[in-house]
N, C-alpha and C. Protein backbone atom coordinates (compact mmCIF):
# COMPACT_ATOMS: atom_id res chain seq x y z
N MET A 1 0.84 -1.17 0.00
CA MET A 1 0.00 0.00 0.00
C MET A 1 0.89 1.24 0.00
N ALA A 2 0.74 2.08 -0.99
CA ALA A 2 1.59 3.26 -1.14
C ALA A 2 1.15 4.37 -0.19
N ILE A 3 2.01 5.34 -0.03
CA ILE A 3 1.70 6.50 0.80
C ILE A 3 0.78 7.41 -0.01
N PRO A 4 -0.37 7.80 0.55
CA PRO A 4 -1.30 8.66 -0.20
C PRO A 4 -0.60 9.94 -0.68
N GLY A 5 -0.84 10.28 -1.94
CA GLY A 5 -0.26 11.49 -2.51
C GLY A 5 1.09 11.29 -3.17
N TYR A 6 1.63 10.07 -3.13
CA TYR A 6 2.93 9.79 -3.72
C TYR A 6 2.79 8.69 -4.76
N ASP A 7 3.51 8.83 -5.86
CA ASP A 7 3.53 7.83 -6.91
C ASP A 7 4.18 6.56 -6.35
N SER A 8 3.51 5.43 -6.48
CA SER A 8 4.01 4.19 -5.89
C SER A 8 5.38 3.79 -6.43
N SER A 9 5.75 4.25 -7.62
CA SER A 9 7.07 3.92 -8.16
C SER A 9 8.18 4.66 -7.42
N ASN A 10 7.84 5.69 -6.63
CA ASN A 10 8.83 6.45 -5.86
C ASN A 10 8.91 6.00 -4.41
N VAL A 11 8.10 5.00 -4.03
CA VAL A 11 8.02 4.57 -2.64
C VAL A 11 8.81 3.28 -2.45
N ALA A 12 9.77 3.31 -1.52
CA ALA A 12 10.50 2.10 -1.15
C ALA A 12 9.72 1.42 -0.03
N GLU A 13 9.54 0.10 -0.12
CA GLU A 13 8.73 -0.64 0.83
C GLU A 13 9.58 -1.67 1.56
N TYR A 14 9.38 -1.77 2.88
CA TYR A 14 10.10 -2.72 3.72
C TYR A 14 9.10 -3.40 4.64
N THR A 15 9.21 -4.72 4.76
CA THR A 15 8.27 -5.48 5.58
C THR A 15 9.05 -6.46 6.46
N LEU A 16 8.62 -6.58 7.71
CA LEU A 16 9.14 -7.59 8.62
C LEU A 16 7.92 -8.37 9.10
N GLU A 17 7.58 -9.41 8.35
CA GLU A 17 6.31 -10.12 8.58
C GLU A 17 6.24 -10.81 9.92
N GLN A 18 7.37 -11.27 10.46
CA GLN A 18 7.33 -12.02 11.72
C GLN A 18 6.81 -11.20 12.88
N VAL A 19 6.88 -9.88 12.80
CA VAL A 19 6.32 -9.03 13.85
C VAL A 19 5.23 -8.10 13.30
N GLY A 20 4.87 -8.27 12.05
CA GLY A 20 3.79 -7.47 11.48
C GLY A 20 4.11 -6.01 11.34
N ALA A 21 5.29 -5.71 10.81
CA ALA A 21 5.70 -4.32 10.64
C ALA A 21 5.96 -4.03 9.17
N ARG A 22 5.64 -2.79 8.79
CA ARG A 22 5.89 -2.35 7.42
C ARG A 22 6.24 -0.87 7.44
N VAL A 23 7.21 -0.48 6.63
CA VAL A 23 7.58 0.91 6.45
C VAL A 23 7.63 1.20 4.97
N ASP A 24 6.96 2.28 4.57
CA ASP A 24 7.02 2.80 3.21
C ASP A 24 7.70 4.15 3.33
N ILE A 25 8.64 4.43 2.41
CA ILE A 25 9.41 5.66 2.53
C ILE A 25 9.66 6.28 1.17
N VAL A 26 9.56 7.61 1.13
CA VAL A 26 9.94 8.39 -0.04
C VAL A 26 11.06 9.31 0.43
N ALA A 27 12.24 9.12 -0.14
CA ALA A 27 13.41 9.91 0.28
C ALA A 27 14.39 10.02 -0.87
N GLY A 28 15.25 11.04 -0.77
CA GLY A 28 16.27 11.24 -1.79
C GLY A 28 17.28 10.10 -1.81
N VAL A 29 17.68 9.61 -0.62
CA VAL A 29 18.63 8.52 -0.50
C VAL A 29 18.12 7.54 0.55
N VAL A 30 17.89 6.30 0.12
CA VAL A 30 17.56 5.21 1.03
C VAL A 30 18.66 4.17 0.87
N PRO A 31 19.55 4.05 1.85
CA PRO A 31 20.68 3.12 1.70
C PRO A 31 20.23 1.67 1.71
N ASP A 32 21.06 0.82 1.12
CA ASP A 32 20.76 -0.62 1.09
C ASP A 32 20.63 -1.18 2.51
N ALA A 33 21.32 -0.58 3.47
CA ALA A 33 21.30 -1.08 4.85
C ALA A 33 19.98 -0.78 5.56
N PHE A 34 19.14 0.12 5.00
CA PHE A 34 17.88 0.46 5.65
C PHE A 34 16.94 -0.73 5.62
N GLY A 35 16.20 -0.90 6.70
CA GLY A 35 15.23 -1.99 6.76
C GLY A 35 14.65 -2.10 8.15
N LEU A 36 13.94 -3.18 8.40
CA LEU A 36 13.30 -3.42 9.68
C LEU A 36 13.93 -4.63 10.35
N GLU A 37 14.11 -4.53 11.67
CA GLU A 37 14.65 -5.64 12.44
C GLU A 37 13.89 -5.74 13.74
N LYS A 38 13.71 -6.94 14.24
CA LYS A 38 13.10 -7.12 15.55
C LYS A 38 14.05 -6.51 16.57
N SER A 39 13.51 -5.68 17.45
CA SER A 39 14.34 -4.95 18.41
C SER A 39 14.67 -5.81 19.62
N ALA A 40 15.84 -5.60 20.16
CA ALA A 40 16.25 -6.25 21.42
C ALA A 40 15.86 -5.38 22.61
N ASP A 41 15.35 -4.16 22.35
CA ASP A 41 14.95 -3.25 23.42
C ASP A 41 13.74 -3.80 24.16
N GLU A 42 13.67 -3.47 25.44
CA GLU A 42 12.52 -3.84 26.27
C GLU A 42 11.33 -2.98 25.85
N PRO A 43 10.17 -3.59 25.59
CA PRO A 43 9.01 -2.79 25.19
C PRO A 43 8.45 -2.03 26.40
N PRO A 44 7.74 -0.94 26.14
CA PRO A 44 7.09 -0.24 27.25
C PRO A 44 5.98 -1.11 27.84
N VAL A 45 5.53 -0.79 29.05
CA VAL A 45 4.52 -1.60 29.71
C VAL A 45 3.20 -1.61 28.95
N ASP A 46 2.93 -0.56 28.18
CA ASP A 46 1.67 -0.48 27.44
C ASP A 46 1.80 -0.93 25.99
N ALA A 47 2.86 -1.70 25.68
CA ALA A 47 3.07 -2.19 24.31
C ALA A 47 2.02 -3.23 23.96
N LEU A 48 1.57 -3.16 22.72
CA LEU A 48 0.60 -4.11 22.20
C LEU A 48 1.21 -5.01 21.14
N ALA A 49 2.54 -4.94 21.01
CA ALA A 49 3.29 -5.73 20.03
C ALA A 49 4.77 -5.67 20.43
N ASP A 50 5.59 -6.40 19.71
CA ASP A 50 7.03 -6.35 19.93
C ASP A 50 7.61 -5.11 19.27
N PRO A 51 8.63 -4.48 19.88
CA PRO A 51 9.26 -3.31 19.25
C PRO A 51 10.05 -3.71 18.00
N VAL A 52 10.17 -2.74 17.11
CA VAL A 52 10.86 -2.93 15.84
C VAL A 52 11.88 -1.80 15.66
N ASP A 53 13.09 -2.15 15.19
CA ASP A 53 14.11 -1.15 14.89
C ASP A 53 14.07 -0.78 13.42
N LEU A 54 14.19 0.52 13.14
CA LEU A 54 14.35 1.02 11.78
C LEU A 54 15.86 1.10 11.56
N ALA A 55 16.43 0.06 10.96
CA ALA A 55 17.88 -0.05 10.78
C ALA A 55 18.39 1.00 9.80
N ALA A 56 19.53 1.61 10.14
CA ALA A 56 20.21 2.60 9.30
C ALA A 56 19.35 3.83 9.02
N LEU A 57 18.45 4.17 9.93
CA LEU A 57 17.58 5.33 9.74
C LEU A 57 18.37 6.62 9.59
N ASP A 58 19.48 6.74 10.33
CA ASP A 58 20.29 7.97 10.26
C ASP A 58 20.92 8.18 8.89
N GLU A 59 21.02 7.12 8.09
CA GLU A 59 21.64 7.23 6.77
C GLU A 59 20.64 7.63 5.68
N VAL A 60 19.35 7.62 6.01
CA VAL A 60 18.33 8.03 5.03
C VAL A 60 18.39 9.55 4.89
N LYS A 61 18.41 10.04 3.68
CA LYS A 61 18.55 11.48 3.43
C LYS A 61 17.34 12.01 2.66
N ALA A 62 16.98 13.25 2.95
CA ALA A 62 15.93 13.98 2.24
C ALA A 62 14.59 13.24 2.26
N ILE A 63 14.12 12.93 3.46
CA ILE A 63 12.85 12.22 3.61
C ILE A 63 11.70 13.16 3.25
N GLU A 64 10.86 12.71 2.34
CA GLU A 64 9.64 13.44 1.99
C GLU A 64 8.45 12.89 2.76
N ALA A 65 8.40 11.56 2.89
CA ALA A 65 7.30 10.93 3.60
C ALA A 65 7.73 9.55 4.08
N MET A 66 7.18 9.18 5.24
CA MET A 66 7.44 7.85 5.79
C MET A 66 6.16 7.37 6.46
N ARG A 67 5.77 6.15 6.12
CA ARG A 67 4.60 5.57 6.75
C ARG A 67 5.03 4.31 7.48
N ILE A 68 4.72 4.27 8.78
CA ILE A 68 5.05 3.13 9.64
C ILE A 68 3.73 2.46 10.01
N ALA A 69 3.58 1.20 9.65
CA ALA A 69 2.37 0.43 9.96
C ALA A 69 2.75 -0.78 10.79
N LEU A 70 2.07 -0.95 11.92
CA LEU A 70 2.37 -2.04 12.83
C LEU A 70 1.10 -2.81 13.18
N VAL A 71 1.20 -4.13 13.20
CA VAL A 71 0.11 -4.97 13.66
C VAL A 71 0.18 -4.97 15.18
N TYR A 72 -1.01 -4.95 15.83
CA TYR A 72 -1.03 -4.99 17.29
C TYR A 72 -2.03 -6.03 17.76
N ASP A 73 -1.91 -6.40 19.02
CA ASP A 73 -2.79 -7.40 19.62
C ASP A 73 -3.82 -6.69 20.50
N PRO A 74 -5.08 -6.58 20.04
CA PRO A 74 -6.08 -5.85 20.81
C PRO A 74 -6.39 -6.49 22.16
N SER A 75 -6.08 -7.77 22.33
CA SER A 75 -6.35 -8.42 23.62
C SER A 75 -5.40 -7.91 24.70
N ARG A 76 -4.34 -7.20 24.32
CA ARG A 76 -3.39 -6.65 25.29
C ARG A 76 -3.77 -5.24 25.75
N LEU A 77 -4.88 -4.70 25.22
CA LEU A 77 -5.37 -3.40 25.70
C LEU A 77 -5.84 -3.53 27.15
N PRO A 78 -5.63 -2.49 27.96
CA PRO A 78 -6.12 -2.55 29.34
C PRO A 78 -7.64 -2.66 29.38
N PRO A 79 -8.20 -3.25 30.44
CA PRO A 79 -9.66 -3.34 30.56
C PRO A 79 -10.30 -1.96 30.46
N GLY A 80 -11.36 -1.87 29.67
CA GLY A 80 -12.08 -0.61 29.51
C GLY A 80 -11.49 0.34 28.49
N ALA A 81 -10.32 0.01 27.92
CA ALA A 81 -9.69 0.89 26.93
C ALA A 81 -10.43 0.81 25.61
N SER A 82 -10.50 1.92 24.92
CA SER A 82 -11.11 1.95 23.60
C SER A 82 -10.16 1.27 22.60
N PRO A 83 -10.69 0.49 21.67
CA PRO A 83 -9.83 -0.14 20.67
C PRO A 83 -9.18 0.87 19.72
N THR A 84 -9.60 2.11 19.78
CA THR A 84 -8.97 3.14 18.95
C THR A 84 -7.86 3.89 19.70
N ASP A 85 -7.64 3.56 20.97
CA ASP A 85 -6.59 4.21 21.76
C ASP A 85 -5.25 3.50 21.55
N VAL A 86 -4.82 3.45 20.31
CA VAL A 86 -3.58 2.79 19.93
C VAL A 86 -2.79 3.77 19.08
N ALA A 87 -1.47 3.79 19.27
CA ALA A 87 -0.62 4.68 18.48
C ALA A 87 0.72 4.02 18.22
N VAL A 88 1.38 4.46 17.16
CA VAL A 88 2.78 4.11 16.95
C VAL A 88 3.56 4.98 17.91
N ALA A 89 4.42 4.36 18.72
CA ALA A 89 5.25 5.10 19.66
C ALA A 89 6.71 4.90 19.30
N VAL A 90 7.51 5.96 19.52
CA VAL A 90 8.93 5.96 19.19
C VAL A 90 9.72 6.11 20.47
N ASP A 91 10.78 5.31 20.61
CA ASP A 91 11.65 5.39 21.77
C ASP A 91 12.60 6.57 21.59
N THR A 92 12.45 7.59 22.46
CA THR A 92 13.30 8.78 22.42
C THR A 92 14.11 8.85 23.70
N ASP A 93 14.97 9.86 23.81
CA ASP A 93 15.76 10.05 25.02
C ASP A 93 14.88 10.32 26.24
N GLU A 94 13.67 10.85 26.01
CA GLU A 94 12.74 11.16 27.10
C GLU A 94 11.75 10.03 27.37
N GLY A 95 11.84 8.92 26.65
CA GLY A 95 10.91 7.80 26.82
C GLY A 95 10.14 7.56 25.53
N TRP A 96 9.09 6.78 25.64
CA TRP A 96 8.28 6.43 24.46
C TRP A 96 7.32 7.56 24.13
N GLU A 97 7.41 8.07 22.91
CA GLU A 97 6.58 9.20 22.46
C GLU A 97 5.58 8.73 21.42
N PRO A 98 4.26 8.82 21.73
CA PRO A 98 3.25 8.43 20.74
C PRO A 98 3.23 9.42 19.57
N LEU A 99 3.08 8.88 18.36
CA LEU A 99 2.95 9.70 17.16
C LEU A 99 1.47 9.79 16.77
N GLU A 100 1.12 10.82 16.04
CA GLU A 100 -0.23 10.92 15.50
C GLU A 100 -0.45 9.68 14.63
N SER A 101 -1.47 8.90 14.94
CA SER A 101 -1.66 7.61 14.29
C SER A 101 -3.11 7.37 13.92
N THR A 102 -3.30 6.43 12.99
CA THR A 102 -4.62 6.00 12.56
C THR A 102 -4.74 4.51 12.82
N VAL A 103 -5.86 4.10 13.39
CA VAL A 103 -6.09 2.69 13.72
C VAL A 103 -7.04 2.08 12.70
N ASP A 104 -6.70 0.89 12.21
CA ASP A 104 -7.59 0.10 11.37
C ASP A 104 -8.05 -1.07 12.22
N LEU A 105 -9.28 -0.99 12.72
CA LEU A 105 -9.81 -2.01 13.63
C LEU A 105 -9.96 -3.37 12.96
N GLU A 106 -10.32 -3.37 11.68
CA GLU A 106 -10.52 -4.63 10.97
C GLU A 106 -9.20 -5.38 10.78
N GLU A 107 -8.15 -4.66 10.43
CA GLU A 107 -6.84 -5.27 10.19
C GLU A 107 -5.98 -5.32 11.46
N THR A 108 -6.44 -4.72 12.54
CA THR A 108 -5.69 -4.54 13.80
C THR A 108 -4.27 -4.03 13.53
N THR A 109 -4.24 -2.91 12.78
CA THR A 109 -2.99 -2.22 12.52
C THR A 109 -3.11 -0.78 12.95
N VAL A 110 -1.97 -0.19 13.26
CA VAL A 110 -1.89 1.22 13.58
C VAL A 110 -0.83 1.82 12.66
N THR A 111 -1.13 3.00 12.12
CA THR A 111 -0.25 3.60 11.11
C THR A 111 0.03 5.05 11.45
N ALA A 112 1.29 5.44 11.31
CA ALA A 112 1.70 6.84 11.45
C ALA A 112 2.34 7.27 10.13
N VAL A 113 1.95 8.44 9.64
CA VAL A 113 2.54 9.01 8.42
C VAL A 113 3.29 10.27 8.83
N LEU A 114 4.57 10.32 8.47
CA LEU A 114 5.44 11.44 8.84
C LEU A 114 6.01 12.10 7.60
N ASN A 115 6.38 13.36 7.73
CA ASN A 115 7.05 14.07 6.65
C ASN A 115 8.52 14.31 6.97
N ASP A 116 9.02 13.58 7.93
CA ASP A 116 10.42 13.68 8.35
C ASP A 116 10.76 12.38 9.06
N ARG A 117 11.99 12.24 9.49
CA ARG A 117 12.35 11.02 10.22
C ARG A 117 11.73 11.08 11.62
N PRO A 118 11.36 9.94 12.18
CA PRO A 118 10.83 9.95 13.54
C PRO A 118 11.93 10.33 14.53
N PRO A 119 11.57 10.74 15.75
CA PRO A 119 12.57 11.18 16.74
C PRO A 119 13.37 10.04 17.35
N GLY A 120 13.22 8.84 16.87
CA GLY A 120 13.99 7.69 17.33
C GLY A 120 13.91 6.59 16.29
N SER A 121 14.68 5.52 16.50
CA SER A 121 14.71 4.46 15.48
C SER A 121 14.04 3.17 15.94
N THR A 122 13.48 3.14 17.16
CA THR A 122 12.75 1.98 17.63
C THR A 122 11.29 2.36 17.78
N VAL A 123 10.39 1.57 17.19
CA VAL A 123 8.96 1.87 17.22
C VAL A 123 8.20 0.67 17.76
N VAL A 124 7.00 0.96 18.30
CA VAL A 124 6.14 -0.10 18.82
C VAL A 124 4.69 0.38 18.73
N ALA A 125 3.77 -0.56 18.62
CA ALA A 125 2.35 -0.23 18.74
C ALA A 125 2.02 -0.28 20.22
N GLY A 126 1.43 0.80 20.71
CA GLY A 126 1.15 0.84 22.15
C GLY A 126 -0.17 1.50 22.47
N TYR A 127 -0.62 1.29 23.69
CA TYR A 127 -1.84 1.91 24.20
C TYR A 127 -1.55 3.39 24.41
N ASP A 128 -2.41 4.24 23.87
CA ASP A 128 -2.25 5.69 23.95
C ASP A 128 -3.43 6.27 24.72
N ASP A 129 -3.18 6.66 25.97
CA ASP A 129 -4.25 7.21 26.81
C ASP A 129 -4.18 8.72 26.93
N ARG A 130 -3.50 9.39 26.01
CA ARG A 130 -3.36 10.85 26.10
C ARG A 130 -4.70 11.56 26.12
N ASP A 131 -5.70 11.07 25.41
CA ASP A 131 -7.01 11.73 25.40
C ASP A 131 -7.70 11.64 26.75
N ASP A 132 -7.32 10.64 27.54
CA ASP A 132 -7.95 10.44 28.85
C ASP A 132 -7.33 11.34 29.91
N GLU A 133 -6.16 11.90 29.64
CA GLU A 133 -5.51 12.75 30.62
C GLU A 133 -6.13 14.14 30.58
N SER A 134 -6.43 14.64 31.73
CA SER A 134 -6.96 16.01 31.78
C SER A 134 -6.05 16.83 32.66
N VAL A 135 -5.76 18.02 32.20
CA VAL A 135 -4.90 18.91 32.93
C VAL A 135 -5.78 20.00 33.53
N GLU A 136 -5.65 20.16 34.83
CA GLU A 136 -6.43 21.18 35.52
C GLU A 136 -5.83 22.55 35.22
N PRO A 137 -6.63 23.53 34.85
CA PRO A 137 -6.08 24.85 34.59
C PRO A 137 -5.58 25.48 35.90
N ALA A 138 -4.52 26.23 35.79
CA ALA A 138 -3.95 26.91 36.98
C ALA A 138 -4.78 28.13 37.29
N ASP A 139 -4.99 28.39 38.59
CA ASP A 139 -5.76 29.57 39.00
C ASP A 139 -4.89 30.79 39.07
């Protein structure tokens, strides 16, 4: 499946079927070393799948678009959680950061589309409860 708005002949596709991960990328330079690998990193407690490494991400140049699609296990959602409260999360120096994502309930996949490289090279499908958090206004 190509990235919407991009000619499929310009999209490089990478799949790691054993963990249900796929990355489509449009960039000026995508090195041969780029690809997906099962991560050795410990997943966050709210992970709904195994983490995946985007190998050689730092070597990709002039990214126009990147789509990360991950299969997740809905049975791992916390009790009472909405099945749409799922996001692609990236491991950053500050912890796991959820990306703006779209959930396909029928395919049990979550997808993030970016116009730049993600803030880290390890991604996971995880429970995203940001909408449930409420911040009290200061008086």
